[in-house]
């Protein structure tokens, strides 16, 4: 990915009227081996360089997942006490890299991982303590453990982007907006009131179903008295 190639890719989207808000860099920072974490940091920094060449300065990631081997431990790896300090140290290094590229890293919580709740995510961001590491809220990822009000109460001032997908309760797999149990009227009303500058990005859609998902979002916006998407 040369600078010219990065610029050409970005221009292909922008010439079609599509804004590139962020790049996804979903890697495995929670791995227990130092070499693996360093490789993840190096990969992320390389993607920040790609983003800089594309004119993109926001990068979305999760904490990652480490299944381990053998029988399941009494406490899952992502909830073990030393892992918290390890993750704080890793994300402080990531924040340093983000500062070099004038970039922002957006952490996306998920109920079955290290950032399992809105509160845990807020506490983690506070401990990392960098304005370069903020939050992306995908409420379908926390639907199992948090009410919508709790998500925005905990993360509101830290949210720079929102994902719009859906999920049935007690189910791992995400689905397009309107096919799960997420209250989109309440979600979008909270988003408009608490994070008005954060873009809402449709997720888990393709050519066959994006129109139905977009129509669901727009109808919820209309019911909530929010302007056109």
Protein backbone atom coordinates (compact mmCIF):
# COMPACT_ATOMS: atom_id res chain seq x y z
CA UNK A 1 0.00 0.00 0.00
CA UNK A 2 2.04 2.91 -1.30
CA UNK A 3 0.93 6.47 -0.54
CA UNK A 4 -0.36 6.83 -4.11
CA UNK A 5 -2.36 3.60 -3.82
CA UNK A 6 -3.84 4.68 -0.48
CA UNK A 7 -4.88 8.02 -1.94
CA UNK A 8 -6.43 6.32 -5.00
CA UNK A 9 -8.49 3.97 -2.81
CA UNK A 10 -9.73 6.86 -0.68
CA UNK A 11 -10.57 8.96 -3.72
CA UNK A 12 -12.64 6.11 -5.21
CA UNK A 13 -14.96 6.33 -2.20
CA UNK A 14 -15.00 10.09 -1.87
CA UNK A 15 -15.69 10.64 -5.57
CA UNK A 16 -18.83 8.51 -5.05
CA UNK A 17 -19.90 10.75 -2.16
CA UNK A 18 -18.91 8.28 0.58
CA UNK A 19 -17.13 9.63 3.64
CA UNK A 20 -14.47 7.41 5.18
CA UNK A 21 -14.82 8.01 8.91
CA UNK A 22 -12.44 5.33 10.19
CA UNK A 23 -10.53 2.16 9.39
CA UNK A 24 -11.09 -1.12 11.23
CA UNK A 25 -7.94 -2.59 12.75
CA UNK A 26 -9.30 -5.53 14.71
CA UNK A 27 -6.31 -7.28 16.23
CA UNK A 28 -5.46 -9.33 19.31
CA UNK A 29 -3.97 -7.11 21.98
CA UNK A 30 -5.01 -9.48 24.77
CA UNK A 31 -2.60 -12.25 23.70
CA UNK A 32 -0.44 -13.37 26.65
CA UNK A 33 2.78 -13.53 24.61
CA UNK A 34 4.73 -10.28 24.45
CA UNK A 35 5.92 -10.97 20.90
CA UNK A 36 2.32 -11.31 19.69
CA UNK A 37 1.31 -8.04 21.36
CA UNK A 38 4.30 -6.23 19.86
CA UNK A 39 3.39 -7.59 16.43
CA UNK A 40 -0.17 -6.32 16.91
CA UNK A 41 1.14 -2.87 17.87
CA UNK A 42 3.43 -2.81 14.82
CA UNK A 43 0.55 -3.81 12.55
CA UNK A 44 -1.69 -1.12 14.06
CA UNK A 45 0.98 1.53 13.56
CA UNK A 46 1.38 0.44 9.92
CA UNK A 47 -2.37 0.89 9.47
CA UNK A 48 -2.13 4.36 10.98
CA UNK A 49 0.39 5.16 8.25
CA UNK A 50 -2.06 3.84 5.65
CA UNK A 51 -4.79 5.96 7.24
CA UNK A 52 -2.63 9.06 7.17
CA UNK A 53 -2.03 8.55 3.45
CA UNK A 54 -5.80 8.16 2.96
CA UNK A 55 -6.65 11.20 5.08
CA UNK A 56 -8.27 9.02 7.76
CA UNK A 57 -7.37 9.55 11.40
CA UNK A 58 -9.74 7.30 13.36
CA UNK A 59 -9.11 3.58 13.85
CA UNK A 60 -11.55 1.10 15.35
CA UNK A 61 -10.49 -1.98 17.29
CA UNK A 62 -11.53 -4.44 19.99
CA UNK A 63 -9.45 -5.83 22.83
CA UNK A 64 -9.15 -9.17 21.07
CA UNK A 65 -9.78 -12.73 22.15
CA UNK A 66 -7.48 -15.44 23.49
CA UNK A 67 -9.06 -18.90 23.63
CA UNK A 68 -6.01 -20.54 25.20
CA UNK A 69 -5.62 -24.29 25.18
CA UNK A 70 -6.64 -27.20 27.33
CA UNK A 71 -9.46 -27.08 29.88
CA UNK A 72 -11.17 -23.75 30.49
CA UNK A 73 -9.63 -21.94 33.50
CA UNK A 74 -11.82 -21.04 36.51
CA UNK A 75 -11.54 -17.38 35.48
CA UNK A 76 -11.61 -16.57 31.76
CA UNK A 77 -8.33 -15.17 30.42
CA UNK A 78 -9.79 -11.72 29.71
CA UNK A 79 -10.97 -11.39 33.33
CA UNK A 80 -7.74 -12.54 35.02
CA UNK A 81 -6.18 -9.91 37.25
CA UNK A 82 -2.75 -9.54 35.54
CA UNK A 83 -4.40 -9.13 32.14
CA UNK A 84 -5.93 -5.78 33.15
CA UNK A 85 -2.53 -4.21 33.88
CA UNK A 86 -1.10 -5.78 30.72
CA UNK A 87 -3.89 -4.28 28.60
CA UNK A 88 -3.53 -0.83 30.17
CA UNK A 89 0.19 -0.85 29.37
CA UNK A 90 -0.44 -2.03 25.81
CA UNK A 91 -3.02 0.64 25.10
CA UNK A 92 -0.82 3.36 26.54
CA UNK A 93 1.77 2.32 23.93
CA UNK A 94 -0.95 2.42 21.29
CA UNK A 95 -1.91 5.91 22.46
CA UNK A 96 1.70 7.03 21.98
CA UNK A 97 1.63 5.73 18.40
CA UNK A 98 -1.70 7.46 17.81
CA UNK A 99 -0.21 10.76 19.01
CA UNK A 100 2.61 10.44 16.46
CA UNK A 101 0.04 10.14 13.67
CA UNK A 102 -2.43 12.67 15.11
CA UNK A 103 -4.89 9.76 15.24
CA UNK A 104 -7.60 8.45 17.55
CA UNK A 105 -8.19 4.81 18.49
CA UNK A 106 -11.83 3.88 19.09
CA UNK A 107 -12.37 0.88 21.35
CA UNK A 108 -15.47 -1.22 20.71
CA UNK A 109 -16.80 -3.16 23.73
CA UNK A 110 -18.41 -6.59 23.41
CA UNK A 111 -20.19 -8.52 26.15
CA UNK A 112 -18.14 -11.70 25.78
CA UNK A 113 -14.71 -10.12 25.90
CA UNK A 114 -12.33 -7.97 27.93
CA UNK A 115 -14.51 -4.87 27.52
CA UNK A 116 -17.60 -6.73 28.64
CA UNK A 117 -19.74 -3.81 29.86
CA UNK A 118 -20.04 -0.08 29.37
CA UNK A 119 -18.75 0.56 32.88
CA UNK A 120 -15.72 -1.71 32.46
CA UNK A 121 -14.94 0.09 29.19
CA UNK A 122 -15.25 3.50 30.84
CA UNK A 123 -12.99 2.46 33.74
CA UNK A 124 -10.44 1.08 31.27
CA UNK A 125 -10.43 4.26 29.18
CA UNK A 126 -10.01 6.33 32.33
CA UNK A 127 -7.04 4.24 33.45
CA UNK A 128 -5.35 4.39 30.05
CA UNK A 129 -5.81 8.11 30.47
CA UNK A 130 -5.25 9.34 26.93
CA UNK A 131 -7.49 11.52 24.74
CA UNK A 132 -6.17 9.42 21.86
CA UNK A 133 -8.09 6.33 23.04
CA UNK A 134 -11.86 6.74 23.02
CA UNK A 135 -14.97 4.64 22.41
CA UNK A 136 -17.10 3.31 19.61
CA UNK A 137 -20.49 2.23 20.93
CA UNK A 138 -22.25 -0.64 19.22
CA UNK A 139 -25.28 -1.10 21.52
CA UNK A 140 -26.04 -4.54 20.07
CA UNK A 141 -22.70 -5.68 21.53
CA UNK A 142 -23.80 -4.76 25.07
CA UNK A 143 -27.51 -5.48 24.82
CA UNK A 144 -27.10 -8.62 26.92
CA UNK A 145 -25.55 -6.81 29.91
CA UNK A 146 -26.50 -3.11 29.77
CA UNK A 147 -29.61 -1.06 29.18
CA UNK A 148 -29.26 1.68 26.58
CA UNK A 149 -29.33 4.37 29.25
CA UNK A 150 -26.46 2.73 31.09
CA UNK A 151 -24.37 2.60 27.92
CA UNK A 152 -24.73 6.31 27.28
CA UNK A 153 -24.40 7.25 30.96
CA UNK A 154 -21.07 5.44 31.17
CA UNK A 155 -19.58 6.19 27.75
CA UNK A 156 -21.41 9.25 26.40
CA UNK A 157 -18.61 11.87 26.58
CA UNK A 158 -16.10 9.34 25.20
CA UNK A 159 -18.09 8.17 22.14
CA UNK A 160 -16.82 9.26 18.72
CA UNK A 161 -18.78 6.80 16.56
CA UNK A 162 -21.77 4.43 16.78
CA UNK A 163 -22.51 1.19 14.97
CA UNK A 164 -26.03 0.34 13.87
CA UNK A 165 -26.59 -3.39 13.84
CA UNK A 166 -28.83 -5.64 15.92
CA UNK A 167 -28.81 -8.80 18.02
CA UNK A 168 -31.32 -11.12 19.62
CA UNK A 169 -30.96 -11.48 23.39
CA UNK A 170 -28.91 -14.51 24.50
CA UNK A 171 -27.47 -14.91 20.98
CA UNK A 172 -23.87 -14.30 19.88
CA UNK A 173 -24.46 -13.55 16.21
CA UNK A 174 -25.21 -10.01 15.15
CA UNK A 175 -27.81 -9.21 12.47
CA UNK A 176 -28.82 -6.13 10.44
CA UNK A 177 -30.75 -3.33 12.13
CA UNK A 178 -34.38 -4.26 12.67
CA UNK A 179 -33.83 -8.01 12.96
CA UNK A 180 -33.06 -8.21 16.68
CA UNK A 181 -34.15 -6.94 20.10
CA UNK A 182 -32.47 -3.52 20.13
CA UNK A 183 -34.91 -0.64 20.69
CA UNK A 184 -33.86 1.62 17.82
CA UNK A 185 -36.26 4.41 18.78
CA UNK A 186 -34.61 4.71 22.19
CA UNK A 187 -31.08 4.18 20.81
CA UNK A 188 -31.29 6.92 18.21
CA UNK A 189 -33.02 9.36 20.54
CA UNK A 190 -30.19 8.89 23.06
CA UNK A 191 -27.59 9.18 20.31
CA UNK A 192 -29.10 12.46 19.05
CA UNK A 193 -29.24 13.90 22.54
CA UNK A 194 -26.00 12.64 24.02
CA UNK A 195 -23.59 12.17 21.08
CA UNK A 196 -24.93 14.46 18.32
CA UNK A 197 -21.59 14.73 16.50
CA UNK A 198 -20.85 10.98 16.42
CA UNK A 199 -21.69 9.35 13.07
CA UNK A 200 -23.95 6.28 13.02
CA UNK A 201 -22.58 3.61 10.67
CA UNK A 202 -24.68 0.70 9.40
CA UNK A 203 -22.99 -2.64 10.08
CA UNK A 204 -23.63 -6.29 9.16
CA UNK A 205 -25.32 -5.32 5.90
CA UNK A 206 -24.66 -5.98 2.23
CA UNK A 207 -26.24 -5.31 -1.16
CA UNK A 208 -29.25 -7.52 -0.37
CA UNK A 209 -30.26 -6.10 3.01
CA UNK A 210 -28.83 -2.61 3.48
CA UNK A 211 -31.97 -0.92 2.17
CA UNK A 212 -34.20 -2.64 4.76
CA UNK A 213 -31.74 -1.79 7.57
CA UNK A 214 -31.50 1.83 6.44
CA UNK A 215 -35.28 2.10 6.22
CA UNK A 216 -35.56 0.75 9.79
CA UNK A 217 -33.07 3.34 11.04
CA UNK A 218 -34.78 6.18 9.18
CA UNK A 219 -38.22 5.19 10.46
CA UNK A 220 -36.91 5.12 14.03
CA UNK A 221 -35.38 8.57 13.51
CA UNK A 222 -38.69 9.91 12.25
CA UNK A 223 -40.58 8.49 15.24
CA UNK A 224 -37.99 10.02 17.55
CA UNK A 225 -38.28 13.41 15.85
CA UNK A 226 -34.73 13.35 14.51
CA UNK A 227 -33.68 14.81 11.17
CA UNK A 228 -33.17 12.72 8.03
CA UNK A 229 -30.24 10.22 7.95
